[in-house]
Amino acid sequence: MAATVKKKIAVKQAGGLSGTRQGVVESDSRSTSRRVVVNYMAMHPKYGKFVRQRTILQVHDENNLSHTGDVVEVAPCRPLSKSKRWTLVRVVEKRGQQAAALKSVTELQK
């Protein structure tokens, strides 16, 4: 028991959690819940060509830190609801503010 606790602490101190993924927040309309899109390349089984694919994850964001367009890191957790199985680890890059600023500039130009 004590060995697994030490191992978990060592993993957290090393800076990375096992099973984490990075993605872009697609929707932040719900309170404490986010829709995150993880894009990746996979080889086609028959033709061998790499094709783009994506996974949509329902993520729990307790403090509402992320917004639409932000790049976030998520980790798996226990089931929190019917679809939420991931939790927010950190916001890697704040792109939501940049997107909002660009949108407002384009509206002013019209």
C-alpha atoms as a PDB file:
ATOM      1  CA  MET A   1       0.000   0.000   0.000  1.00  0.00           C
ATOM      2  CA  ALA A   2       2.720   2.467   0.980  1.00  0.00           C
ATOM      3  CA  ALA A   3       4.680   1.656  -2.185  1.00  0.00           C
ATOM      4  CA  THR A   4       1.814   2.717  -4.454  1.00  0.00           C
ATOM      5  CA  VAL A   5       1.374   5.990  -2.555  1.00  0.00           C
ATOM      6  CA  LYS A   6       5.086   6.767  -2.930  1.00  0.00           C
ATOM      7  CA  LYS A   7       4.899   5.929  -6.629  1.00  0.00           C
ATOM      8  CA  LYS A   8       1.947   8.304  -7.162  1.00  0.00           C
ATOM      9  CA  ILE A   9       3.735  11.088  -5.319  1.00  0.00           C
ATOM     10  CA  ALA A  10       6.867  10.503  -7.408  1.00  0.00           C
ATOM     11  CA  VAL A  11       4.852  10.696 -10.640  1.00  0.00           C
ATOM     12  CA  LYS A  12       3.234  13.986  -9.578  1.00  0.00           C
ATOM     13  CA  GLN A  13       6.606  15.461  -8.600  1.00  0.00           C
ATOM     14  CA  ALA A  14       8.128  14.384 -11.916  1.00  0.00           C
ATOM     15  CA  GLY A  15       5.729  16.800 -13.640  1.00  0.00           C
ATOM     16  CA  GLY A  16       3.502  14.449 -15.622  1.00  0.00           C
ATOM     17  CA  LEU A  17       0.522  12.278 -14.898  1.00  0.00           C
ATOM     18  CA  SER A  18       0.100   9.008 -16.718  1.00  0.00           C
ATOM     19  CA  GLY A  19      -2.670   9.013 -19.293  1.00  0.00           C
ATOM     20  CA  THR A  20      -2.882  12.783 -19.722  1.00  0.00           C
ATOM     21  CA  ARG A  21      -3.868  14.273 -23.065  1.00  0.00           C
ATOM     22  CA  GLN A  22      -3.804  17.752 -24.551  1.00  0.00           C
ATOM     23  CA  GLY A  23      -6.722  19.179 -26.461  1.00  0.00           C
ATOM     24  CA  VAL A  24      -8.651  22.324 -27.336  1.00  0.00           C
ATOM     25  CA  VAL A  25     -11.776  23.435 -25.462  1.00  0.00           C
ATOM     26  CA  GLU A  26     -14.641  23.407 -27.940  1.00  0.00           C
ATOM     27  CA  SER A  27     -17.476  24.402 -25.620  1.00  0.00           C
ATOM     28  CA  ASP A  28     -17.636  26.074 -22.201  1.00  0.00           C
ATOM     29  CA  SER A  29     -21.371  26.759 -22.076  1.00  0.00           C
ATOM     30  CA  ARG A  30     -22.018  24.452 -19.085  1.00  0.00           C
ATOM     31  CA  SER A  31     -20.950  25.235 -15.550  1.00  0.00           C
ATOM     32  CA  THR A  32     -17.910  23.182 -14.415  1.00  0.00           C
ATOM     33  CA  SER A  33     -18.041  21.064 -17.596  1.00  0.00           C
ATOM     34  CA  ARG A  34     -16.090  21.434 -20.813  1.00  0.00           C
ATOM     35  CA  ARG A  35     -16.083  19.714 -24.181  1.00  0.00           C
ATOM     36  CA  VAL A  36     -12.467  19.097 -25.242  1.00  0.00           C
ATOM     37  CA  VAL A  37     -11.375  17.911 -28.687  1.00  0.00           C
ATOM     38  CA  VAL A  38      -8.184  15.833 -28.926  1.00  0.00           C
ATOM     39  CA  ASN A  39      -6.842  15.580 -32.497  1.00  0.00           C
ATOM     40  CA  TYR A  40      -4.442  12.818 -33.562  1.00  0.00           C
ATOM     41  CA  MET A  41      -3.134  11.011 -36.631  1.00  0.00           C
ATOM     42  CA  ALA A  42      -3.745   7.275 -37.113  1.00  0.00           C
ATOM     43  CA  MET A  43      -2.655   4.915 -39.844  1.00  0.00           C
ATOM     44  CA  HIS A  44      -5.419   3.529 -42.057  1.00  0.00           C
ATOM     45  CA  PRO A  45      -5.518  -0.257 -41.622  1.00  0.00           C
ATOM     46  CA  LYS A  46      -5.826  -1.085 -45.342  1.00  0.00           C
ATOM     47  CA  TYR A  47      -4.068   1.719 -47.215  1.00  0.00           C
ATOM     48  CA  GLY A  48      -1.363   2.661 -44.717  1.00  0.00           C
ATOM     49  CA  LYS A  49      -2.002   6.376 -45.142  1.00  0.00           C
ATOM     50  CA  PHE A  50      -2.175   8.566 -42.050  1.00  0.00           C
ATOM     51  CA  VAL A  51      -5.622  10.064 -41.531  1.00  0.00           C
ATOM     52  CA  ARG A  52      -6.707  12.768 -39.100  1.00  0.00           C
ATOM     53  CA  GLN A  53      -9.030  11.679 -36.329  1.00  0.00           C
ATOM     54  CA  ARG A  54     -10.412  13.283 -33.212  1.00  0.00           C
ATOM     55  CA  THR A  55     -11.822  12.310 -29.855  1.00  0.00           C
ATOM     56  CA  ILE A  56     -14.334  14.417 -27.956  1.00  0.00           C
ATOM     57  CA  LEU A  57     -13.972  14.274 -24.163  1.00  0.00           C
ATOM     58  CA  GLN A  58     -16.330  15.584 -21.510  1.00  0.00           C
ATOM     59  CA  VAL A  59     -14.090  17.224 -18.902  1.00  0.00           C
ATOM     60  CA  HIS A  60     -14.758  18.381 -15.338  1.00  0.00           C
ATOM     61  CA  ASP A  61     -13.425  21.919 -14.668  1.00  0.00           C
ATOM     62  CA  GLU A  62     -14.149  22.614 -10.998  1.00  0.00           C
ATOM     63  CA  ASN A  63     -13.036  26.275 -10.934  1.00  0.00           C
ATOM     64  CA  ASN A  64     -14.119  27.284 -14.480  1.00  0.00           C
ATOM     65  CA  LEU A  65     -10.523  28.083 -15.475  1.00  0.00           C
ATOM     66  CA  SER A  66     -10.757  27.205 -19.169  1.00  0.00           C
ATOM     67  CA  HIS A  67     -12.714  28.864 -21.946  1.00  0.00           C
ATOM     68  CA  THR A  68     -13.470  28.168 -25.605  1.00  0.00           C
ATOM     69  CA  GLY A  69     -10.286  27.959 -27.676  1.00  0.00           C
ATOM     70  CA  ASP A  70      -7.877  27.286 -24.790  1.00  0.00           C
ATOM     71  CA  VAL A  71      -5.359  24.444 -25.002  1.00  0.00           C
ATOM     72  CA  VAL A  72      -5.743  22.279 -21.894  1.00  0.00           C
ATOM     73  CA  GLU A  73      -4.255  19.141 -20.366  1.00  0.00           C
ATOM     74  CA  VAL A  74      -6.739  16.562 -19.070  1.00  0.00           C
ATOM     75  CA  ALA A  75      -6.360  13.356 -17.065  1.00  0.00           C
ATOM     76  CA  PRO A  76      -8.674  10.371 -16.581  1.00  0.00           C
ATOM     77  CA  CYS A  77     -10.602  10.143 -13.309  1.00  0.00           C
ATOM     78  CA  ARG A  78     -13.440   8.190 -11.752  1.00  0.00           C
ATOM     79  CA  PRO A  79     -16.852   8.582 -13.417  1.00  0.00           C
ATOM     80  CA  LEU A  80     -18.350  11.917 -12.326  1.00  0.00           C
ATOM     81  CA  SER A  81     -21.535  11.647 -14.387  1.00  0.00           C
ATOM     82  CA  LYS A  82     -22.937   9.655 -17.283  1.00  0.00           C
ATOM     83  CA  SER A  83     -20.374  11.045 -19.743  1.00  0.00           C
ATOM     84  CA  LYS A  84     -17.692  12.843 -17.678  1.00  0.00           C
ATOM     85  CA  ARG A  85     -14.621  10.655 -17.131  1.00  0.00           C
ATOM     86  CA  TRP A  86     -11.868  13.290 -17.397  1.00  0.00           C
ATOM     87  CA  THR A  87     -10.718  16.176 -15.211  1.00  0.00           C
ATOM     88  CA  LEU A  88      -8.796  19.346 -16.024  1.00  0.00           C
ATOM     89  CA  VAL A  89      -5.133  19.271 -14.956  1.00  0.00           C
ATOM     90  CA  ARG A  90      -3.984  22.683 -16.219  1.00  0.00           C
ATOM     91  CA  VAL A  91      -4.520  25.289 -18.897  1.00  0.00           C
ATOM     92  CA  VAL A  92      -1.514  25.075 -21.232  1.00  0.00           C
ATOM     93  CA  GLU A  93      -2.282  28.123 -23.370  1.00  0.00           C
ATOM     94  CA  LYS A  94      -4.945  30.829 -23.100  1.00  0.00           C
ATOM     95  CA  ARG A  95      -6.245  31.183 -26.653  1.00  0.00           C
ATOM     96  CA  GLY A  96      -9.788  32.095 -25.635  1.00  0.00           C
ATOM     97  CA  GLN A  97      -8.869  35.711 -24.905  1.00  0.00           C
ATOM     98  CA  GLN A  98      -7.056  36.023 -28.248  1.00  0.00           C
ATOM     99  CA  ALA A  99     -10.047  34.628 -30.138  1.00  0.00           C
ATOM    100  CA  ALA A 100     -12.420  37.009 -28.367  1.00  0.00           C
ATOM    101  CA  ALA A 101     -10.162  39.971 -29.159  1.00  0.00           C
ATOM    102  CA  LEU A 102      -9.945  39.033 -32.850  1.00  0.00           C
ATOM    103  CA  LYS A 103     -13.712  38.590 -33.018  1.00  0.00           C
ATOM    104  CA  SER A 104     -14.330  42.026 -31.519  1.00  0.00           C
ATOM    105  CA  VAL A 105     -11.858  43.664 -33.933  1.00  0.00           C
ATOM    106  CA  THR A 106     -13.548  42.092 -36.958  1.00  0.00           C
ATOM    107  CA  GLU A 107     -16.955  43.241 -35.691  1.00  0.00           C
ATOM    108  CA  LEU A 108     -15.661  46.804 -35.331  1.00  0.00           C
ATOM    109  CA  GLN A 109     -14.381  46.785 -38.902  1.00  0.00           C
ATOM    110  CA  LYS A 110     -17.826  45.910 -40.292  1.00  0.00           C
END
